[in-house]
Amino acid sequence: MELLKEYLDYGVIGLLGFMLFVAVAFAVERWLYYRQVAVERFGHLETFHTALTRNLTIISSVGANAPYVGLLGTVLGIMITFYDLGQGGDIETQAIMTGLALALKATAMGLLVAIPSILFYNALMRKVDVLVAEWKRVHES
């Protein structure tokens, strides 16, 4: 239990930081790709759509799962707080509130990772829709 108590914050926040890094890296990669993609180069719409949506699933997955990683950190933090209370026998309001407040930071961090990831995903999907419409205009005229 002491090991979990000592490394919980580092583990959860480290994982969320990695998830944010991955989401931002893929979002930047996709944005740069969309800026230089040549619609005329693709003969089939399915091939074009596949090229456009590569790595978007990862960004979406980060946005969808980051709150759950944060929630897991919060639940484990609350469990540690209750365990400490059960071991000590004393019920100090300050100790309880401090433990719960520290546990809730994991949920906040999860939301701070999820919100930009979902925004990146939605913006990139809008760009995919625009590029597909442009492909249809070029190839159907």
N, C-alpha and C. Protein backbone atom coordinates (compact mmCIF):
# COMPACT_ATOMS: atom_id res chain seq x y z
N MET A 1 0.83 -1.19 0.00
CA MET A 1 0.00 0.00 0.00
C MET A 1 0.87 1.26 0.00
N GLU A 2 1.98 1.19 0.71
CA GLU A 2 2.86 2.36 0.76
C GLU A 2 3.46 2.68 -0.61
N LEU A 3 3.78 1.63 -1.36
CA LEU A 3 4.31 1.83 -2.71
C LEU A 3 3.28 2.52 -3.60
N LEU A 4 2.04 2.07 -3.54
CA LEU A 4 0.97 2.69 -4.31
C LEU A 4 0.77 4.13 -3.88
N LYS A 5 0.80 4.35 -2.58
CA LYS A 5 0.61 5.71 -2.04
C LYS A 5 1.72 6.65 -2.52
N GLU A 6 2.93 6.12 -2.58
CA GLU A 6 4.07 6.97 -2.95
C GLU A 6 4.11 7.29 -4.44
N TYR A 7 3.72 6.32 -5.28
CA TYR A 7 3.89 6.50 -6.72
C TYR A 7 2.61 6.70 -7.51
N LEU A 8 1.47 6.76 -6.86
CA LEU A 8 0.20 6.90 -7.56
C LEU A 8 0.15 8.18 -8.39
N ASP A 9 0.48 9.30 -7.79
CA ASP A 9 0.42 10.57 -8.52
C ASP A 9 1.37 10.56 -9.71
N TYR A 10 2.59 10.10 -9.49
CA TYR A 10 3.56 10.08 -10.59
C TYR A 10 3.08 9.18 -11.73
N GLY A 11 2.52 8.04 -11.38
CA GLY A 11 2.06 7.10 -12.40
C GLY A 11 0.89 7.63 -13.20
N VAL A 12 -0.12 8.15 -12.51
CA VAL A 12 -1.32 8.64 -13.21
C VAL A 12 -1.01 9.89 -14.01
N ILE A 13 -0.34 10.84 -13.40
CA ILE A 13 -0.02 12.08 -14.10
C ILE A 13 0.99 11.83 -15.22
N GLY A 14 1.92 10.92 -15.00
CA GLY A 14 2.86 10.56 -16.06
C GLY A 14 2.16 9.93 -17.24
N LEU A 15 1.23 9.01 -16.98
CA LEU A 15 0.48 8.37 -18.05
C LEU A 15 -0.37 9.39 -18.80
N LEU A 16 -1.02 10.28 -18.07
CA LEU A 16 -1.83 11.32 -18.72
C LEU A 16 -0.96 12.28 -19.53
N GLY A 17 0.22 12.60 -19.02
CA GLY A 17 1.14 13.44 -19.77
C GLY A 17 1.59 12.78 -21.05
N PHE A 18 1.86 11.49 -20.99
CA PHE A 18 2.23 10.74 -22.20
C PHE A 18 1.08 10.72 -23.19
N MET A 19 -0.12 10.50 -22.69
CA MET A 19 -1.29 10.48 -23.57
C MET A 19 -1.48 11.83 -24.26
N LEU A 20 -1.29 12.92 -23.52
CA LEU A 20 -1.42 14.25 -24.12
C LEU A 20 -0.34 14.47 -25.16
N PHE A 21 0.88 14.05 -24.86
CA PHE A 21 1.98 14.18 -25.82
C PHE A 21 1.66 13.45 -27.12
N VAL A 22 1.16 12.23 -27.00
CA VAL A 22 0.82 11.44 -28.18
C VAL A 22 -0.28 12.13 -28.98
N ALA A 23 -1.32 12.61 -28.31
CA ALA A 23 -2.43 13.27 -29.00
C ALA A 23 -1.97 14.52 -29.72
N VAL A 24 -1.15 15.32 -29.06
CA VAL A 24 -0.66 16.56 -29.70
C VAL A 24 0.27 16.23 -30.86
N ALA A 25 1.13 15.24 -30.68
CA ALA A 25 2.06 14.87 -31.75
C ALA A 25 1.31 14.41 -33.00
N PHE A 26 0.31 13.55 -32.82
CA PHE A 26 -0.45 13.09 -33.97
C PHE A 26 -1.32 14.20 -34.55
N ALA A 27 -1.82 15.09 -33.73
CA ALA A 27 -2.63 16.21 -34.24
C ALA A 27 -1.76 17.13 -35.10
N VAL A 28 -0.56 17.42 -34.64
CA VAL A 28 0.35 18.26 -35.43
C VAL A 28 0.73 17.56 -36.73
N GLU A 29 1.03 16.26 -36.64
CA GLU A 29 1.38 15.50 -37.83
C GLU A 29 0.25 15.54 -38.86
N ARG A 30 -0.98 15.33 -38.41
CA ARG A 30 -2.13 15.34 -39.32
C ARG A 30 -2.35 16.73 -39.91
N TRP A 31 -2.22 17.75 -39.07
CA TRP A 31 -2.43 19.12 -39.55
C TRP A 31 -1.40 19.47 -40.64
N LEU A 32 -0.15 19.10 -40.42
CA LEU A 32 0.88 19.35 -41.43
C LEU A 32 0.61 18.55 -42.70
N TYR A 33 0.13 17.32 -42.56
CA TYR A 33 -0.21 16.50 -43.73
C TYR A 33 -1.36 17.12 -44.51
N TYR A 34 -2.37 17.59 -43.82
CA TYR A 34 -3.53 18.18 -44.50
C TYR A 34 -3.15 19.45 -45.25
N ARG A 35 -2.17 20.17 -44.75
CA ARG A 35 -1.74 21.40 -45.42
C ARG A 35 -1.08 21.12 -46.76
N GLN A 36 -0.44 19.96 -46.91
CA GLN A 36 0.31 19.69 -48.13
C GLN A 36 -0.28 18.58 -49.00
N VAL A 37 -1.41 17.99 -48.59
CA VAL A 37 -1.97 16.87 -49.34
C VAL A 37 -2.47 17.34 -50.71
N ALA A 38 -2.18 16.55 -51.72
CA ALA A 38 -2.60 16.86 -53.10
C ALA A 38 -3.81 15.99 -53.42
N VAL A 39 -4.95 16.61 -53.51
CA VAL A 39 -6.21 15.91 -53.76
C VAL A 39 -6.16 15.17 -55.09
N GLU A 40 -5.52 15.75 -56.07
CA GLU A 40 -5.47 15.18 -57.42
C GLU A 40 -4.70 13.86 -57.47
N ARG A 41 -3.81 13.63 -56.52
CA ARG A 41 -2.96 12.45 -56.50
C ARG A 41 -3.72 11.16 -56.23
N PHE A 42 -4.87 11.26 -55.63
CA PHE A 42 -5.62 10.08 -55.21
C PHE A 42 -6.72 9.79 -56.23
N GLY A 43 -6.74 8.54 -56.73
CA GLY A 43 -7.72 8.16 -57.73
C GLY A 43 -9.01 7.62 -57.14
N HIS A 44 -8.92 7.01 -55.97
CA HIS A 44 -10.10 6.42 -55.33
C HIS A 44 -10.41 7.15 -54.03
N LEU A 45 -11.67 7.40 -53.82
CA LEU A 45 -12.10 8.11 -52.61
C LEU A 45 -11.75 7.32 -51.35
N GLU A 46 -11.88 6.01 -51.39
CA GLU A 46 -11.59 5.21 -50.20
C GLU A 46 -10.11 5.30 -49.81
N THR A 47 -9.25 5.29 -50.80
CA THR A 47 -7.81 5.42 -50.54
C THR A 47 -7.51 6.79 -49.95
N PHE A 48 -8.14 7.80 -50.50
CA PHE A 48 -7.95 9.17 -50.01
C PHE A 48 -8.45 9.29 -48.57
N HIS A 49 -9.64 8.76 -48.31
CA HIS A 49 -10.22 8.84 -46.96
C HIS A 49 -9.36 8.09 -45.95
N THR A 50 -8.82 6.95 -46.34
CA THR A 50 -7.94 6.18 -45.46
C THR A 50 -6.67 6.97 -45.13
N ALA A 51 -6.10 7.62 -46.13
CA ALA A 51 -4.90 8.44 -45.90
C ALA A 51 -5.20 9.62 -44.99
N LEU A 52 -6.37 10.20 -45.15
CA LEU A 52 -6.73 11.36 -44.34
C LEU A 52 -7.00 11.00 -42.88
N THR A 53 -7.60 9.85 -42.65
CA THR A 53 -8.00 9.51 -41.28
C THR A 53 -6.96 8.71 -40.51
N ARG A 54 -5.81 8.46 -41.10
CA ARG A 54 -4.74 7.74 -40.40
C ARG A 54 -4.39 8.48 -39.11
N ASN A 55 -4.27 7.75 -38.02
CA ASN A 55 -3.89 8.25 -36.68
C ASN A 55 -4.98 9.06 -35.97
N LEU A 56 -6.10 9.30 -36.60
CA LEU A 56 -7.17 10.03 -35.91
C LEU A 56 -7.80 9.19 -34.80
N THR A 57 -7.80 7.88 -34.97
CA THR A 57 -8.36 7.01 -33.95
C THR A 57 -7.58 7.13 -32.64
N ILE A 58 -6.28 7.31 -32.75
CA ILE A 58 -5.45 7.45 -31.55
C ILE A 58 -5.82 8.72 -30.80
N ILE A 59 -5.99 9.81 -31.53
CA ILE A 59 -6.37 11.09 -30.90
C ILE A 59 -7.73 10.94 -30.22
N SER A 60 -8.67 10.32 -30.91
CA SER A 60 -10.00 10.11 -30.35
C SER A 60 -9.95 9.20 -29.12
N SER A 61 -9.13 8.17 -29.18
CA SER A 61 -9.01 7.25 -28.05
C SER A 61 -8.42 7.93 -26.82
N VAL A 62 -7.47 8.81 -27.03
CA VAL A 62 -6.90 9.56 -25.90
C VAL A 62 -7.99 10.43 -25.28
N GLY A 63 -8.75 11.13 -26.13
CA GLY A 63 -9.81 11.99 -25.61
C GLY A 63 -10.89 11.22 -24.88
N ALA A 64 -11.19 10.02 -25.36
CA ALA A 64 -12.25 9.23 -24.74
C ALA A 64 -11.79 8.56 -23.45
N ASN A 65 -10.52 8.21 -23.35
CA ASN A 65 -10.05 7.42 -22.21
C ASN A 65 -9.33 8.20 -21.13
N ALA A 66 -8.88 9.40 -21.42
CA ALA A 66 -8.16 10.19 -20.41
C ALA A 66 -9.01 10.43 -19.15
N PRO A 67 -10.31 10.75 -19.27
CA PRO A 67 -11.08 10.92 -18.03
C PRO A 67 -11.14 9.64 -17.18
N TYR A 68 -11.13 8.48 -17.84
CA TYR A 68 -11.16 7.23 -17.09
C TYR A 68 -9.84 6.97 -16.37
N VAL A 69 -8.75 7.33 -16.99
CA VAL A 69 -7.45 7.19 -16.32
C VAL A 69 -7.42 8.12 -15.11
N GLY A 70 -7.90 9.36 -15.28
CA GLY A 70 -7.98 10.28 -14.16
C GLY A 70 -8.90 9.78 -13.06
N LEU A 71 -10.02 9.21 -13.46
CA LEU A 71 -10.97 8.68 -12.48
C LEU A 71 -10.36 7.50 -11.72
N LEU A 72 -9.61 6.66 -12.42
CA LEU A 72 -8.92 5.56 -11.75
C LEU A 72 -7.96 6.10 -10.69
N GLY A 73 -7.22 7.14 -11.03
CA GLY A 73 -6.32 7.75 -10.06
C GLY A 73 -7.07 8.31 -8.86
N THR A 74 -8.23 8.90 -9.11
CA THR A 74 -9.04 9.44 -8.02
C THR A 74 -9.55 8.33 -7.11
N VAL A 75 -10.06 7.28 -7.71
CA VAL A 75 -10.58 6.16 -6.92
C VAL A 75 -9.47 5.55 -6.07
N LEU A 76 -8.30 5.34 -6.66
CA LEU A 76 -7.19 4.78 -5.89
C LEU A 76 -6.75 5.74 -4.78
N GLY A 77 -6.75 7.04 -5.07
CA GLY A 77 -6.41 8.02 -4.05
C GLY A 77 -7.39 8.02 -2.89
N ILE A 78 -8.68 7.89 -3.20
CA ILE A 78 -9.69 7.83 -2.14
C ILE A 78 -9.53 6.54 -1.33
N MET A 79 -9.24 5.45 -2.02
CA MET A 79 -9.01 4.19 -1.31
C MET A 79 -7.84 4.30 -0.35
N ILE A 80 -6.79 4.95 -0.78
CA ILE A 80 -5.62 5.14 0.10
C ILE A 80 -5.99 6.00 1.30
N THR A 81 -6.77 7.05 1.06
CA THR A 81 -7.20 7.93 2.16
C THR A 81 -8.01 7.15 3.18
N PHE A 82 -8.96 6.33 2.71
CA PHE A 82 -9.77 5.53 3.63
C PHE A 82 -8.93 4.47 4.34
N TYR A 83 -7.98 3.90 3.63
CA TYR A 83 -7.10 2.91 4.25
C TYR A 83 -6.30 3.55 5.39
N ASP A 84 -5.75 4.73 5.12
CA ASP A 84 -4.99 5.44 6.16
C ASP A 84 -5.87 5.77 7.36
N LEU A 85 -7.11 6.17 7.09
CA LEU A 85 -8.04 6.47 8.20
C LEU A 85 -8.33 5.21 9.01
N GLY A 86 -8.51 4.10 8.32
CA GLY A 86 -8.79 2.85 9.01
C GLY A 86 -7.61 2.36 9.83
N GLN A 87 -6.42 2.61 9.37
CA GLN A 87 -5.22 2.18 10.10
C GLN A 87 -4.95 3.07 11.31
N GLY A 88 -5.22 4.37 11.17
CA GLY A 88 -4.88 5.31 12.23
C GLY A 88 -5.90 5.36 13.35
N GLY A 89 -7.14 5.12 13.04
CA GLY A 89 -8.16 5.18 14.07
C GLY A 89 -8.68 6.58 14.33
N ASP A 90 -7.88 7.60 14.07
CA ASP A 90 -8.32 8.98 14.28
C ASP A 90 -9.08 9.47 13.05
N ILE A 91 -10.08 10.27 13.30
CA ILE A 91 -10.81 10.86 12.19
C ILE A 91 -10.56 12.36 12.24
N GLU A 92 -9.53 12.77 11.54
CA GLU A 92 -9.19 14.20 11.45
C GLU A 92 -9.79 14.75 10.18
N THR A 93 -10.57 15.77 10.30
CA THR A 93 -11.20 16.37 9.13
C THR A 93 -10.16 16.89 8.16
N GLN A 94 -9.10 17.49 8.66
CA GLN A 94 -8.06 18.03 7.80
C GLN A 94 -7.38 16.93 6.98
N ALA A 95 -7.10 15.81 7.59
CA ALA A 95 -6.46 14.70 6.88
C ALA A 95 -7.38 14.13 5.81
N ILE A 96 -8.66 14.01 6.13
CA ILE A 96 -9.62 13.49 5.16
C ILE A 96 -9.74 14.42 3.96
N MET A 97 -9.92 15.69 4.23
CA MET A 97 -10.12 16.66 3.14
C MET A 97 -8.86 16.81 2.29
N THR A 98 -7.70 16.77 2.91
CA THR A 98 -6.46 16.85 2.14
C THR A 98 -6.31 15.64 1.23
N GLY A 99 -6.58 14.47 1.77
CA GLY A 99 -6.47 13.26 0.96
C GLY A 99 -7.46 13.25 -0.20
N LEU A 100 -8.68 13.67 0.05
CA LEU A 100 -9.68 13.69 -1.01
C LEU A 100 -9.36 14.76 -2.06
N ALA A 101 -8.88 15.90 -1.62
CA ALA A 101 -8.52 16.97 -2.57
C ALA A 101 -7.37 16.52 -3.47
N LEU A 102 -6.39 15.87 -2.89
CA LEU A 102 -5.27 15.38 -3.70
C LEU A 102 -5.71 14.28 -4.65
N ALA A 103 -6.68 13.47 -4.23
CA ALA A 103 -7.18 12.41 -5.10
C ALA A 103 -7.92 12.99 -6.30
N LEU A 104 -8.65 14.06 -6.09
CA LEU A 104 -9.45 14.66 -7.17
C LEU A 104 -8.60 15.31 -8.25
N LYS A 105 -7.35 15.60 -7.96
CA LYS A 105 -6.52 16.23 -8.99
C LYS A 105 -6.30 15.30 -10.18
N ALA A 106 -6.37 13.99 -9.96
CA ALA A 106 -6.21 13.05 -11.06
C ALA A 106 -7.37 13.19 -12.05
N THR A 107 -8.58 13.35 -11.55
CA THR A 107 -9.73 13.55 -12.44
C THR A 107 -9.58 14.85 -13.20
N ALA A 108 -9.15 15.89 -12.53
CA ALA A 108 -8.95 17.18 -13.21
C ALA A 108 -7.91 17.06 -14.31
N MET A 109 -6.83 16.35 -14.04
CA MET A 109 -5.80 16.16 -15.06
C MET A 109 -6.34 15.35 -16.24
N GLY A 110 -7.16 14.35 -15.96
CA GLY A 110 -7.77 13.57 -17.03
C GLY A 110 -8.63 14.44 -17.94
N LEU A 111 -9.37 15.35 -17.34
CA LEU A 111 -10.19 16.26 -18.14
C LEU A 111 -9.33 17.24 -18.93
N LEU A 112 -8.24 17.68 -18.33
CA LEU A 112 -7.34 18.60 -19.04
C LEU A 112 -6.66 17.94 -20.23
N VAL A 113 -6.56 16.64 -20.23
CA VAL A 113 -6.03 15.91 -21.38
C VAL A 113 -7.14 15.63 -22.39
N ALA A 114 -8.31 15.26 -21.91
CA ALA A 114 -9.41 14.86 -22.79
C ALA A 114 -9.95 16.02 -23.62
N ILE A 115 -10.14 17.17 -23.00
CA ILE A 115 -10.78 18.29 -23.70
C ILE A 115 -10.00 18.73 -24.93
N PRO A 116 -8.69 19.01 -24.83
CA PRO A 116 -7.97 19.38 -26.06
C PRO A 116 -7.92 18.25 -27.08
N SER A 117 -7.82 17.00 -26.61
CA SER A 117 -7.76 15.88 -27.55
C SER A 117 -9.03 15.80 -28.38
N ILE A 118 -10.16 15.95 -27.75
CA ILE A 118 -11.44 15.91 -28.48
C ILE A 118 -11.56 17.12 -29.41
N LEU A 119 -11.09 18.27 -28.97
CA LEU A 119 -11.10 19.45 -29.84
C LEU A 119 -10.22 19.23 -31.06
N PHE A 120 -9.03 18.67 -30.86
CA PHE A 120 -8.14 18.36 -32.00
C PHE A 120 -8.83 17.40 -32.95
N TYR A 121 -9.42 16.34 -32.39
CA TYR A 121 -10.08 15.34 -33.22
C TYR A 121 -11.21 15.95 -34.04
N ASN A 122 -12.06 16.74 -33.41
CA ASN A 122 -13.18 17.35 -34.12
C ASN A 122 -12.71 18.31 -35.21
N ALA A 123 -11.70 19.09 -34.92
CA ALA A 123 -11.17 20.03 -35.92
C ALA A 123 -10.57 19.27 -37.10
N LEU A 124 -9.84 18.21 -36.81
CA LEU A 124 -9.22 17.43 -37.89
C LEU A 124 -10.27 16.69 -38.71
N MET A 125 -11.32 16.20 -38.07
CA MET A 125 -12.39 15.54 -38.82
C MET A 125 -13.13 16.54 -39.72
N ARG A 126 -13.26 17.76 -39.27
CA ARG A 126 -13.85 18.79 -40.13
C ARG A 126 -12.99 19.02 -41.36
N LYS A 127 -11.68 19.05 -41.16
CA LYS A 127 -10.76 19.22 -42.29
C LYS A 127 -10.83 18.03 -43.23
N VAL A 128 -11.01 16.82 -42.70
CA VAL A 128 -11.19 15.63 -43.54
C VAL A 128 -12.43 15.81 -44.40
N ASP A 129 -13.52 16.27 -43.81
CA ASP A 129 -14.76 16.47 -44.57
C ASP A 129 -14.56 17.49 -45.69
N VAL A 130 -13.84 18.56 -45.41
CA VAL A 130 -13.57 19.59 -46.42
C VAL A 130 -12.72 19.01 -47.55
N LEU A 131 -11.69 18.26 -47.21
CA LEU A 131 -10.82 17.67 -48.23
C LEU A 131 -11.55 16.62 -49.06
N VAL A 132 -12.42 15.85 -48.45
CA VAL A 132 -13.21 14.87 -49.21
C VAL A 132 -14.15 15.59 -50.17
N ALA A 133 -14.77 16.67 -49.73
CA ALA A 133 -15.63 17.45 -50.62
C ALA A 133 -14.83 18.03 -51.78
N GLU A 134 -13.61 18.47 -51.49
CA GLU A 134 -12.75 18.98 -52.57
C GLU A 134 -12.38 17.87 -53.54
N TRP A 135 -12.09 16.68 -53.01
CA TRP A 135 -11.78 15.53 -53.89
C TRP A 135 -12.95 15.24 -54.80
N LYS A 136 -14.15 15.24 -54.26
CA LYS A 136 -15.34 14.97 -55.06
C LYS A 136 -15.53 16.04 -56.14
N ARG A 137 -15.27 17.29 -55.79
CA ARG A 137 -15.40 18.37 -56.76
C ARG A 137 -14.40 18.20 -57.90
N VAL A 138 -13.17 17.85 -57.58
CA VAL A 138 -12.12 17.69 -58.60
C VAL A 138 -12.37 16.48 -59.47
N HIS A 139 -12.78 15.38 -58.89
CA HIS A 139 -12.91 14.13 -59.64
C HIS A 139 -14.27 13.91 -60.30
N GLU A 140 -15.24 14.67 -59.91
CA GLU A 140 -16.55 14.51 -60.52
C GLU A 140 -16.87 15.57 -61.57
N SER A 141 -15.94 16.47 -61.78
CA SER A 141 -16.21 17.50 -62.81
C SER A 141 -15.48 17.23 -64.08
